[in-house]
């Protein structure tokens, strides 16, 4: 995990999850739709972060330039 991912998880994602969990606790009806939507959103966000991050962290397969036809 690179530094950008650690900054995202540390400073943005964890406080957001804590805030949303606090909002869900404030619900007087104790509806579990909020918790379900929070979990689904976290799974979708984690999946998309992993897929998009992999695109930029993996090394390209072939770094060799094509042969030139100019002589």
Protein backbone atom coordinates (compact mmCIF):
# COMPACT_ATOMS: atom_id res chain seq x y z
CA UNK A 1 0.00 0.00 0.00
CA UNK A 2 1.50 3.31 -1.00
CA UNK A 3 1.43 6.57 0.94
CA UNK A 4 -1.60 7.95 -0.89
CA UNK A 5 -3.69 4.94 0.09
CA UNK A 6 -2.60 5.22 3.71
CA UNK A 7 -3.51 8.91 3.78
CA UNK A 8 -6.92 8.12 2.29
CA UNK A 9 -7.67 5.36 4.78
CA UNK A 10 -6.26 7.20 7.78
CA UNK A 11 -7.58 10.69 7.31
CA UNK A 12 -10.67 10.33 5.15
CA UNK A 13 -12.22 6.89 5.30
CA UNK A 14 -12.01 6.06 9.01
CA UNK A 15 -13.55 9.34 10.25
CA UNK A 16 -16.26 9.04 7.59
CA UNK A 17 -17.15 5.52 8.76
CA UNK A 18 -17.19 6.69 12.38
CA UNK A 19 -19.44 9.64 11.51
CA UNK A 20 -21.88 7.48 9.52
CA UNK A 21 -21.97 4.90 12.33
CA UNK A 22 -22.74 7.70 14.80
CA UNK A 23 -25.56 8.93 12.54
CA UNK A 24 -27.00 5.43 12.36
CA UNK A 25 -26.92 5.17 16.18
CA UNK A 26 -28.99 8.36 16.38
CA UNK A 27 -31.86 6.63 14.57
CA UNK A 28 -34.66 6.18 17.10
CA UNK A 29 -36.47 3.51 15.08
CA UNK A 30 -33.37 1.28 14.98
CA UNK A 31 -33.73 0.68 11.30
CA UNK A 32 -31.05 -1.63 9.95
CA UNK A 33 -31.27 -0.24 6.42
CA UNK A 34 -28.59 2.31 7.25
CA UNK A 35 -26.16 -0.33 8.48
CA UNK A 36 -26.84 -2.48 5.43
CA UNK A 37 -26.29 0.46 3.07
CA UNK A 38 -23.11 1.41 4.94
CA UNK A 39 -21.70 -2.10 4.57
CA UNK A 40 -22.63 -2.30 0.88
CA UNK A 41 -21.07 1.11 0.27
CA UNK A 42 -17.87 0.12 2.07
CA UNK A 43 -17.57 -3.08 0.03
CA UNK A 44 -18.11 -1.22 -3.26
CA UNK A 45 -15.62 1.49 -2.26
CA UNK A 46 -12.97 -1.02 -1.17
CA UNK A 47 -13.39 -3.04 -4.38
CA UNK A 48 -13.11 0.02 -6.60
CA UNK A 49 -10.08 1.34 -4.70
CA UNK A 50 -8.30 -1.99 -5.03
CA UNK A 51 -9.08 -2.29 -8.75
CA UNK A 52 -8.12 1.30 -9.57
CA UNK A 53 -5.01 1.26 -7.38
CA UNK A 54 -3.78 -1.96 -9.00
CA UNK A 55 -3.88 -0.25 -12.39
CA UNK A 56 -1.36 2.38 -11.26
CA UNK A 57 0.90 0.31 -8.99
CA UNK A 58 1.63 -2.66 -11.27
CA UNK A 59 4.58 -2.38 -13.60
CA UNK A 60 3.79 -2.31 -17.32
CA UNK A 61 4.31 -5.68 -18.98
CA UNK A 62 6.44 -4.56 -21.91
CA UNK A 63 8.57 -1.47 -21.68
CA UNK A 64 10.45 -2.16 -24.91
CA UNK A 65 9.66 0.34 -27.65
CA UNK A 66 8.69 -0.92 -31.08
CA UNK A 67 11.45 -1.20 -33.64
CA UNK A 68 11.60 1.73 -35.98
CA UNK A 69 11.30 1.24 -39.71
CA UNK A 70 13.44 4.31 -40.37
CA UNK A 71 17.04 3.68 -41.39
